[in-house]
Amino acid sequence: MKTCKMIVLLFFVWCCLATTGSAAEIYRLRMFFGLSLPGGGAVSLNEWQQFEQKEIATTFEGFNVVDSKGYYKGQVERSKLVTVILEEKEMVKAKALAKLYATRFQQDSVMIIKTPVMEWSFIEPDTQEEGRKAVTER
């Protein structure tokens, strides 16, 4: 009887771990692209827009960009904060993009923060046919 209970318990634990394992493979990635250049000056709006359109937009299917102000080595710096939801296997693309930016614009680094996403939803508008809110969850 004890063996049977132990098997059931182990099976339950294994199922829980298997379920949480798949959810932990999706991440919110925040990438901080500094705009200051060494020796003075800054990445221009045109240079950023070109990088955004030709590099970021071709790397990720969807993302969000926010203007930001931060401090690096005690100095205020304008920056762009790019947020993307991705799978672990796409981290290689994100790191390659960060290295490309750091090289092209002579940056010390691009900071990346990776946070597990447990759930997200796309909320669609009400439809007249159904008279209820359609929700698509992933």
N, C-alpha and C. Protein backbone atom coordinates (compact mmCIF):
# COMPACT_ATOMS: atom_id res chain seq x y z
N MET A 1 0.83 -1.19 0.00
CA MET A 1 0.00 0.00 0.00
C MET A 1 0.87 1.25 0.00
N LYS A 2 1.95 1.24 0.83
CA LYS A 2 2.84 2.39 0.88
C LYS A 2 3.51 2.61 -0.47
N THR A 3 3.87 1.52 -1.15
CA THR A 3 4.52 1.62 -2.45
C THR A 3 3.57 2.25 -3.46
N CYS A 4 2.33 1.88 -3.43
CA CYS A 4 1.34 2.44 -4.34
C CYS A 4 1.16 3.94 -4.11
N LYS A 5 1.09 4.35 -2.83
CA LYS A 5 0.96 5.77 -2.50
C LYS A 5 2.19 6.54 -2.96
N MET A 6 3.36 5.94 -2.79
CA MET A 6 4.61 6.59 -3.20
C MET A 6 4.64 6.78 -4.72
N ILE A 7 4.19 5.78 -5.46
CA ILE A 7 4.16 5.87 -6.92
C ILE A 7 3.20 6.97 -7.35
N VAL A 8 2.04 7.04 -6.74
CA VAL A 8 1.06 8.08 -7.06
C VAL A 8 1.65 9.46 -6.75
N LEU A 9 2.31 9.60 -5.60
CA LEU A 9 2.91 10.87 -5.22
C LEU A 9 4.01 11.27 -6.20
N LEU A 10 4.88 10.35 -6.55
CA LEU A 10 5.94 10.64 -7.51
C LEU A 10 5.38 11.03 -8.88
N PHE A 11 4.32 10.33 -9.29
CA PHE A 11 3.68 10.67 -10.56
C PHE A 11 3.12 12.09 -10.52
N PHE A 12 2.47 12.44 -9.41
CA PHE A 12 1.91 13.78 -9.24
C PHE A 12 3.01 14.85 -9.31
N VAL A 13 4.11 14.64 -8.62
CA VAL A 13 5.23 15.58 -8.64
C VAL A 13 5.80 15.70 -10.04
N TRP A 14 5.96 14.58 -10.73
CA TRP A 14 6.49 14.59 -12.09
C TRP A 14 5.57 15.39 -13.02
N CYS A 15 4.25 15.20 -12.89
CA CYS A 15 3.29 15.95 -13.72
C CYS A 15 3.39 17.45 -13.45
N CYS A 16 3.52 17.84 -12.20
CA CYS A 16 3.64 19.26 -11.85
C CYS A 16 4.91 19.85 -12.44
N LEU A 17 6.01 19.14 -12.33
CA LEU A 17 7.27 19.63 -12.88
C LEU A 17 7.21 19.72 -14.39
N ALA A 18 6.60 18.76 -15.03
CA ALA A 18 6.49 18.78 -16.49
C ALA A 18 5.64 19.95 -16.94
N THR A 19 4.58 20.26 -16.21
CA THR A 19 3.71 21.37 -16.56
C THR A 19 4.42 22.70 -16.38
N THR A 20 5.11 22.92 -15.27
CA THR A 20 5.79 24.19 -15.06
C THR A 20 7.00 24.33 -15.95
N GLY A 21 7.61 23.24 -16.35
CA GLY A 21 8.78 23.31 -17.21
C GLY A 21 8.47 23.96 -18.53
N SER A 22 7.33 23.67 -19.13
CA SER A 22 7.01 24.24 -20.42
C SER A 22 6.67 25.73 -20.30
N ALA A 23 6.03 26.13 -19.22
CA ALA A 23 5.69 27.54 -19.04
C ALA A 23 6.93 28.40 -18.84
N ALA A 24 7.97 27.84 -18.23
CA ALA A 24 9.18 28.60 -17.95
C ALA A 24 10.03 28.84 -19.20
N GLU A 25 9.66 28.26 -20.34
CA GLU A 25 10.43 28.44 -21.57
C GLU A 25 10.05 29.71 -22.31
N ILE A 26 9.04 30.41 -21.87
CA ILE A 26 8.62 31.67 -22.50
C ILE A 26 9.09 32.81 -21.60
N TYR A 27 9.71 33.83 -22.21
CA TYR A 27 10.30 34.92 -21.44
C TYR A 27 9.88 36.29 -21.97
N ARG A 28 9.87 37.25 -21.05
CA ARG A 28 9.80 38.66 -21.42
C ARG A 28 11.24 39.15 -21.38
N LEU A 29 11.67 39.63 -22.50
CA LEU A 29 13.04 40.11 -22.62
C LEU A 29 13.01 41.63 -22.74
N ARG A 30 13.78 42.29 -21.89
CA ARG A 30 13.91 43.74 -21.95
C ARG A 30 15.35 44.05 -22.32
N MET A 31 15.52 44.77 -23.41
CA MET A 31 16.86 45.11 -23.92
C MET A 31 17.03 46.62 -23.82
N PHE A 32 18.11 47.05 -23.18
CA PHE A 32 18.38 48.47 -22.97
C PHE A 32 19.50 48.91 -23.91
N PHE A 33 19.15 49.71 -24.92
CA PHE A 33 20.09 50.19 -25.92
C PHE A 33 20.45 51.64 -25.59
N GLY A 34 21.66 51.86 -25.10
CA GLY A 34 22.11 53.21 -24.81
C GLY A 34 22.35 53.99 -26.09
N LEU A 35 22.10 55.30 -26.03
CA LEU A 35 22.25 56.13 -27.22
C LEU A 35 23.47 57.05 -27.18
N SER A 36 24.17 57.09 -26.05
CA SER A 36 25.37 57.93 -25.95
C SER A 36 26.54 57.25 -26.66
N LEU A 37 27.38 58.07 -27.28
CA LEU A 37 28.58 57.56 -27.95
C LEU A 37 29.81 57.91 -27.13
N PRO A 38 30.82 57.05 -27.14
CA PRO A 38 32.05 57.38 -26.40
C PRO A 38 32.68 58.63 -26.98
N GLY A 39 33.18 59.48 -26.14
CA GLY A 39 33.80 60.73 -26.60
C GLY A 39 32.80 61.82 -26.92
N GLY A 40 31.53 61.60 -26.60
CA GLY A 40 30.50 62.62 -26.84
C GLY A 40 29.62 62.26 -28.03
N GLY A 41 28.55 62.98 -28.14
CA GLY A 41 27.60 62.71 -29.22
C GLY A 41 26.64 61.59 -28.86
N ALA A 42 25.78 61.27 -29.81
CA ALA A 42 24.76 60.26 -29.56
C ALA A 42 24.35 59.60 -30.87
N VAL A 43 23.77 58.44 -30.75
CA VAL A 43 23.15 57.77 -31.89
C VAL A 43 21.99 58.66 -32.33
N SER A 44 21.94 59.03 -33.60
CA SER A 44 20.89 59.93 -34.08
C SER A 44 19.56 59.21 -34.19
N LEU A 45 18.48 59.96 -34.27
CA LEU A 45 17.16 59.39 -34.43
C LEU A 45 17.11 58.57 -35.72
N ASN A 46 17.69 59.08 -36.79
CA ASN A 46 17.72 58.36 -38.05
C ASN A 46 18.49 57.04 -37.93
N GLU A 47 19.65 57.09 -37.25
CA GLU A 47 20.44 55.86 -37.07
C GLU A 47 19.66 54.83 -36.27
N TRP A 48 18.96 55.30 -35.20
CA TRP A 48 18.17 54.37 -34.40
C TRP A 48 17.04 53.78 -35.25
N GLN A 49 16.33 54.63 -35.99
CA GLN A 49 15.21 54.14 -36.79
C GLN A 49 15.66 53.12 -37.83
N GLN A 50 16.82 53.35 -38.43
CA GLN A 50 17.36 52.39 -39.39
C GLN A 50 17.67 51.06 -38.69
N PHE A 51 18.28 51.12 -37.52
CA PHE A 51 18.60 49.91 -36.77
C PHE A 51 17.30 49.18 -36.37
N GLU A 52 16.33 49.94 -35.91
CA GLU A 52 15.05 49.35 -35.50
C GLU A 52 14.37 48.64 -36.67
N GLN A 53 14.31 49.31 -37.81
CA GLN A 53 13.60 48.76 -38.97
C GLN A 53 14.36 47.62 -39.64
N LYS A 54 15.66 47.76 -39.80
CA LYS A 54 16.44 46.77 -40.54
C LYS A 54 16.93 45.61 -39.70
N GLU A 55 17.11 45.82 -38.41
CA GLU A 55 17.66 44.77 -37.55
C GLU A 55 16.63 44.20 -36.58
N ILE A 56 16.03 45.05 -35.74
CA ILE A 56 15.10 44.55 -34.73
C ILE A 56 13.85 43.97 -35.38
N ALA A 57 13.26 44.74 -36.31
CA ALA A 57 12.00 44.30 -36.94
C ALA A 57 12.18 43.05 -37.79
N THR A 58 13.37 42.78 -38.26
CA THR A 58 13.60 41.55 -39.03
C THR A 58 14.03 40.39 -38.13
N THR A 59 14.36 40.69 -36.88
CA THR A 59 14.76 39.65 -35.93
C THR A 59 13.57 39.10 -35.16
N PHE A 60 12.66 39.99 -34.75
CA PHE A 60 11.52 39.60 -33.93
C PHE A 60 10.21 39.87 -34.66
N GLU A 61 9.25 38.97 -34.47
CA GLU A 61 7.95 39.10 -35.09
C GLU A 61 7.16 40.28 -34.51
N GLY A 62 7.34 40.53 -33.23
CA GLY A 62 6.66 41.63 -32.56
C GLY A 62 7.48 42.11 -31.38
N PHE A 63 7.43 43.40 -31.11
CA PHE A 63 8.19 43.98 -30.00
C PHE A 63 7.62 45.35 -29.68
N ASN A 64 8.08 45.92 -28.59
CA ASN A 64 7.67 47.26 -28.17
C ASN A 64 8.92 48.08 -27.89
N VAL A 65 8.90 49.36 -28.29
CA VAL A 65 10.03 50.25 -28.05
C VAL A 65 9.55 51.45 -27.24
N VAL A 66 10.29 51.78 -26.19
CA VAL A 66 9.97 52.92 -25.33
C VAL A 66 11.21 53.78 -25.17
N ASP A 67 11.05 55.10 -25.26
CA ASP A 67 12.15 56.01 -24.95
C ASP A 67 12.39 55.98 -23.45
N SER A 68 13.65 56.00 -23.08
CA SER A 68 14.01 55.86 -21.68
C SER A 68 15.18 56.77 -21.34
N LYS A 69 15.33 57.03 -20.07
CA LYS A 69 16.50 57.76 -19.57
C LYS A 69 17.05 56.98 -18.40
N GLY A 70 18.33 56.72 -18.43
CA GLY A 70 18.95 55.96 -17.35
C GLY A 70 20.30 56.54 -17.02
N TYR A 71 21.01 55.86 -16.16
CA TYR A 71 22.36 56.28 -15.76
C TYR A 71 23.31 55.12 -16.01
N TYR A 72 24.46 55.46 -16.57
CA TYR A 72 25.50 54.47 -16.80
C TYR A 72 26.82 55.11 -16.40
N LYS A 73 27.52 54.46 -15.48
CA LYS A 73 28.78 54.97 -14.95
C LYS A 73 28.62 56.40 -14.43
N GLY A 74 27.50 56.64 -13.75
CA GLY A 74 27.25 57.93 -13.13
C GLY A 74 26.77 59.04 -14.05
N GLN A 75 26.61 58.73 -15.33
CA GLN A 75 26.20 59.74 -16.30
C GLN A 75 24.79 59.43 -16.82
N VAL A 76 23.99 60.49 -16.98
CA VAL A 76 22.66 60.32 -17.54
C VAL A 76 22.81 59.95 -19.02
N GLU A 77 21.93 59.05 -19.46
CA GLU A 77 22.01 58.60 -20.85
C GLU A 77 20.61 58.32 -21.38
N ARG A 78 20.31 58.89 -22.54
CA ARG A 78 19.07 58.52 -23.22
C ARG A 78 19.24 57.09 -23.73
N SER A 79 18.15 56.35 -23.77
CA SER A 79 18.22 54.98 -24.26
C SER A 79 16.88 54.57 -24.84
N LYS A 80 16.90 53.43 -25.49
CA LYS A 80 15.68 52.82 -26.01
C LYS A 80 15.52 51.50 -25.29
N LEU A 81 14.33 51.25 -24.81
CA LEU A 81 14.00 50.01 -24.11
C LEU A 81 13.11 49.18 -25.04
N VAL A 82 13.62 48.04 -25.46
CA VAL A 82 12.89 47.14 -26.36
C VAL A 82 12.43 45.94 -25.56
N THR A 83 11.13 45.67 -25.63
CA THR A 83 10.56 44.53 -24.92
C THR A 83 10.00 43.55 -25.94
N VAL A 84 10.30 42.28 -25.72
CA VAL A 84 9.83 41.23 -26.63
C VAL A 84 9.50 39.98 -25.80
N ILE A 85 8.50 39.23 -26.25
CA ILE A 85 8.15 37.95 -25.64
C ILE A 85 8.72 36.88 -26.57
N LEU A 86 9.52 35.97 -26.00
CA LEU A 86 10.16 34.96 -26.85
C LEU A 86 10.38 33.66 -26.13
N GLU A 87 10.71 32.64 -26.90
CA GLU A 87 11.06 31.34 -26.34
C GLU A 87 12.56 31.30 -26.07
N GLU A 88 12.97 30.40 -25.21
CA GLU A 88 14.38 30.27 -24.84
C GLU A 88 15.27 30.12 -26.07
N LYS A 89 14.81 29.35 -27.06
CA LYS A 89 15.63 29.11 -28.24
C LYS A 89 15.89 30.38 -29.05
N GLU A 90 15.10 31.43 -28.85
CA GLU A 90 15.30 32.69 -29.56
C GLU A 90 16.28 33.63 -28.87
N MET A 91 16.78 33.23 -27.70
CA MET A 91 17.76 34.06 -26.98
C MET A 91 19.03 34.29 -27.80
N VAL A 92 19.38 33.33 -28.61
CA VAL A 92 20.57 33.46 -29.46
C VAL A 92 20.42 34.67 -30.38
N LYS A 93 19.23 34.83 -30.96
CA LYS A 93 18.98 35.98 -31.85
C LYS A 93 19.07 37.29 -31.08
N ALA A 94 18.54 37.31 -29.86
CA ALA A 94 18.57 38.54 -29.05
C ALA A 94 19.99 38.92 -28.69
N LYS A 95 20.80 37.94 -28.32
CA LYS A 95 22.19 38.22 -27.96
C LYS A 95 22.99 38.67 -29.18
N ALA A 96 22.73 38.09 -30.33
CA ALA A 96 23.41 38.51 -31.56
C ALA A 96 23.04 39.95 -31.91
N LEU A 97 21.78 40.29 -31.73
CA LEU A 97 21.32 41.66 -31.99
C LEU A 97 22.00 42.64 -31.04
N ALA A 98 22.11 42.28 -29.76
CA ALA A 98 22.77 43.13 -28.78
C ALA A 98 24.25 43.34 -29.14
N LYS A 99 24.93 42.28 -29.56
CA LYS A 99 26.33 42.39 -29.96
C LYS A 99 26.49 43.27 -31.20
N LEU A 100 25.58 43.12 -32.15
CA LEU A 100 25.62 43.94 -33.36
C LEU A 100 25.50 45.42 -33.01
N TYR A 101 24.53 45.75 -32.15
CA TYR A 101 24.33 47.15 -31.74
C TYR A 101 25.56 47.68 -31.00
N ALA A 102 26.06 46.90 -30.04
CA ALA A 102 27.23 47.34 -29.26
C ALA A 102 28.43 47.60 -30.17
N THR A 103 28.62 46.77 -31.16
CA THR A 103 29.73 46.94 -32.10
C THR A 103 29.51 48.15 -33.00
N ARG A 104 28.35 48.22 -33.61
CA ARG A 104 28.05 49.28 -34.57
C ARG A 104 28.12 50.67 -33.93
N PHE A 105 27.63 50.79 -32.69
CA PHE A 105 27.56 52.10 -32.06
C PHE A 105 28.54 52.26 -30.89
N GLN A 106 29.58 51.45 -30.89
CA GLN A 106 30.69 51.53 -29.92
C GLN A 106 30.21 51.60 -28.47
N GLN A 107 29.28 50.72 -28.13
CA GLN A 107 28.74 50.66 -26.78
C GLN A 107 29.56 49.68 -25.94
N ASP A 108 29.65 49.95 -24.63
CA ASP A 108 30.30 48.99 -23.73
C ASP A 108 29.50 47.70 -23.68
N SER A 109 28.16 47.84 -23.75
CA SER A 109 27.29 46.67 -23.66
C SER A 109 25.85 47.07 -23.96
N VAL A 110 25.00 46.08 -24.10
CA VAL A 110 23.55 46.24 -24.14
C VAL A 110 23.03 45.38 -23.00
N MET A 111 22.29 45.98 -22.08
CA MET A 111 21.78 45.21 -20.94
C MET A 111 20.52 44.44 -21.37
N ILE A 112 20.46 43.18 -20.97
CA ILE A 112 19.31 42.33 -21.25
C ILE A 112 18.80 41.77 -19.93
N ILE A 113 17.49 41.90 -19.71
CA ILE A 113 16.85 41.31 -18.54
C ILE A 113 15.83 40.30 -19.04
N LYS A 114 15.95 39.07 -18.57
CA LYS A 114 15.08 37.97 -19.00
C LYS A 114 14.23 37.53 -17.81
N THR A 115 12.91 37.60 -17.98
CA THR A 115 11.97 37.25 -16.91
C THR A 115 11.00 36.19 -17.42
N PRO A 116 10.81 35.10 -16.68
CA PRO A 116 9.84 34.08 -17.11
C PRO A 116 8.43 34.66 -17.20
N VAL A 117 7.69 34.22 -18.20
CA VAL A 117 6.29 34.61 -18.38
C VAL A 117 5.45 33.37 -18.12
N MET A 118 4.56 33.47 -17.18
CA MET A 118 3.72 32.33 -16.83
C MET A 118 2.44 32.29 -17.68
N GLU A 119 1.97 33.47 -18.09
CA GLU A 119 0.73 33.52 -18.86
C GLU A 119 0.63 34.87 -19.55
N TRP A 120 0.02 34.88 -20.72
CA TRP A 120 -0.29 36.14 -21.38
C TRP A 120 -1.53 35.93 -22.23
N SER A 121 -2.21 37.02 -22.56
CA SER A 121 -3.46 36.93 -23.32
C SER A 121 -3.52 38.03 -24.36
N PHE A 122 -4.24 37.77 -25.42
CA PHE A 122 -4.59 38.77 -26.41
C PHE A 122 -6.10 38.97 -26.26
N ILE A 123 -6.53 40.14 -25.83
CA ILE A 123 -7.94 40.41 -25.60
C ILE A 123 -8.51 41.04 -26.87
N GLU A 124 -9.47 40.39 -27.44
CA GLU A 124 -10.08 40.86 -28.68
C GLU A 124 -11.32 41.68 -28.37
N PRO A 125 -11.76 42.53 -29.30
CA PRO A 125 -12.96 43.34 -29.05
C PRO A 125 -14.21 42.47 -29.05
N ASP A 126 -15.29 43.02 -28.46
CA ASP A 126 -16.57 42.33 -28.50
C ASP A 126 -17.02 42.18 -29.94
N THR A 127 -17.67 41.07 -30.23
CA THR A 127 -18.22 40.88 -31.57
C THR A 127 -19.73 40.98 -31.47
N GLN A 128 -20.36 41.60 -32.46
CA GLN A 128 -21.82 41.75 -32.43
C GLN A 128 -22.52 40.40 -32.56
N GLU A 129 -21.92 39.48 -33.32
CA GLU A 129 -22.52 38.17 -33.51
C GLU A 129 -22.64 37.41 -32.19
N GLU A 130 -21.59 37.44 -31.41
CA GLU A 130 -21.56 36.64 -30.19
C GLU A 130 -22.05 37.41 -28.98
N GLY A 131 -21.90 38.74 -29.00
CA GLY A 131 -22.35 39.55 -27.87
C GLY A 131 -21.53 39.31 -26.62
N ARG A 132 -20.31 38.79 -26.76
CA ARG A 132 -19.45 38.56 -25.59
C ARG A 132 -18.01 38.86 -25.98
N LYS A 133 -17.19 39.01 -25.00
CA LYS A 133 -15.78 39.30 -25.23
C LYS A 133 -15.06 38.01 -25.64
N ALA A 134 -14.39 38.07 -26.78
CA ALA A 134 -13.61 36.92 -27.24
C ALA A 134 -12.20 37.04 -26.66
N VAL A 135 -11.73 35.98 -26.07
CA VAL A 135 -10.43 35.99 -25.46
C VAL A 135 -9.60 34.86 -26.05
N THR A 136 -8.42 35.21 -26.51
CA THR A 136 -7.50 34.19 -27.00
C THR A 136 -6.35 34.12 -26.02
N GLU A 137 -6.15 32.96 -25.40
CA GLU A 137 -5.06 32.81 -24.44
C GLU A 137 -4.04 31.83 -24.97
N ARG A 138 -2.79 32.10 -24.59
CA ARG A 138 -1.71 31.17 -24.95
C ARG A 138 -1.04 30.72 -23.69
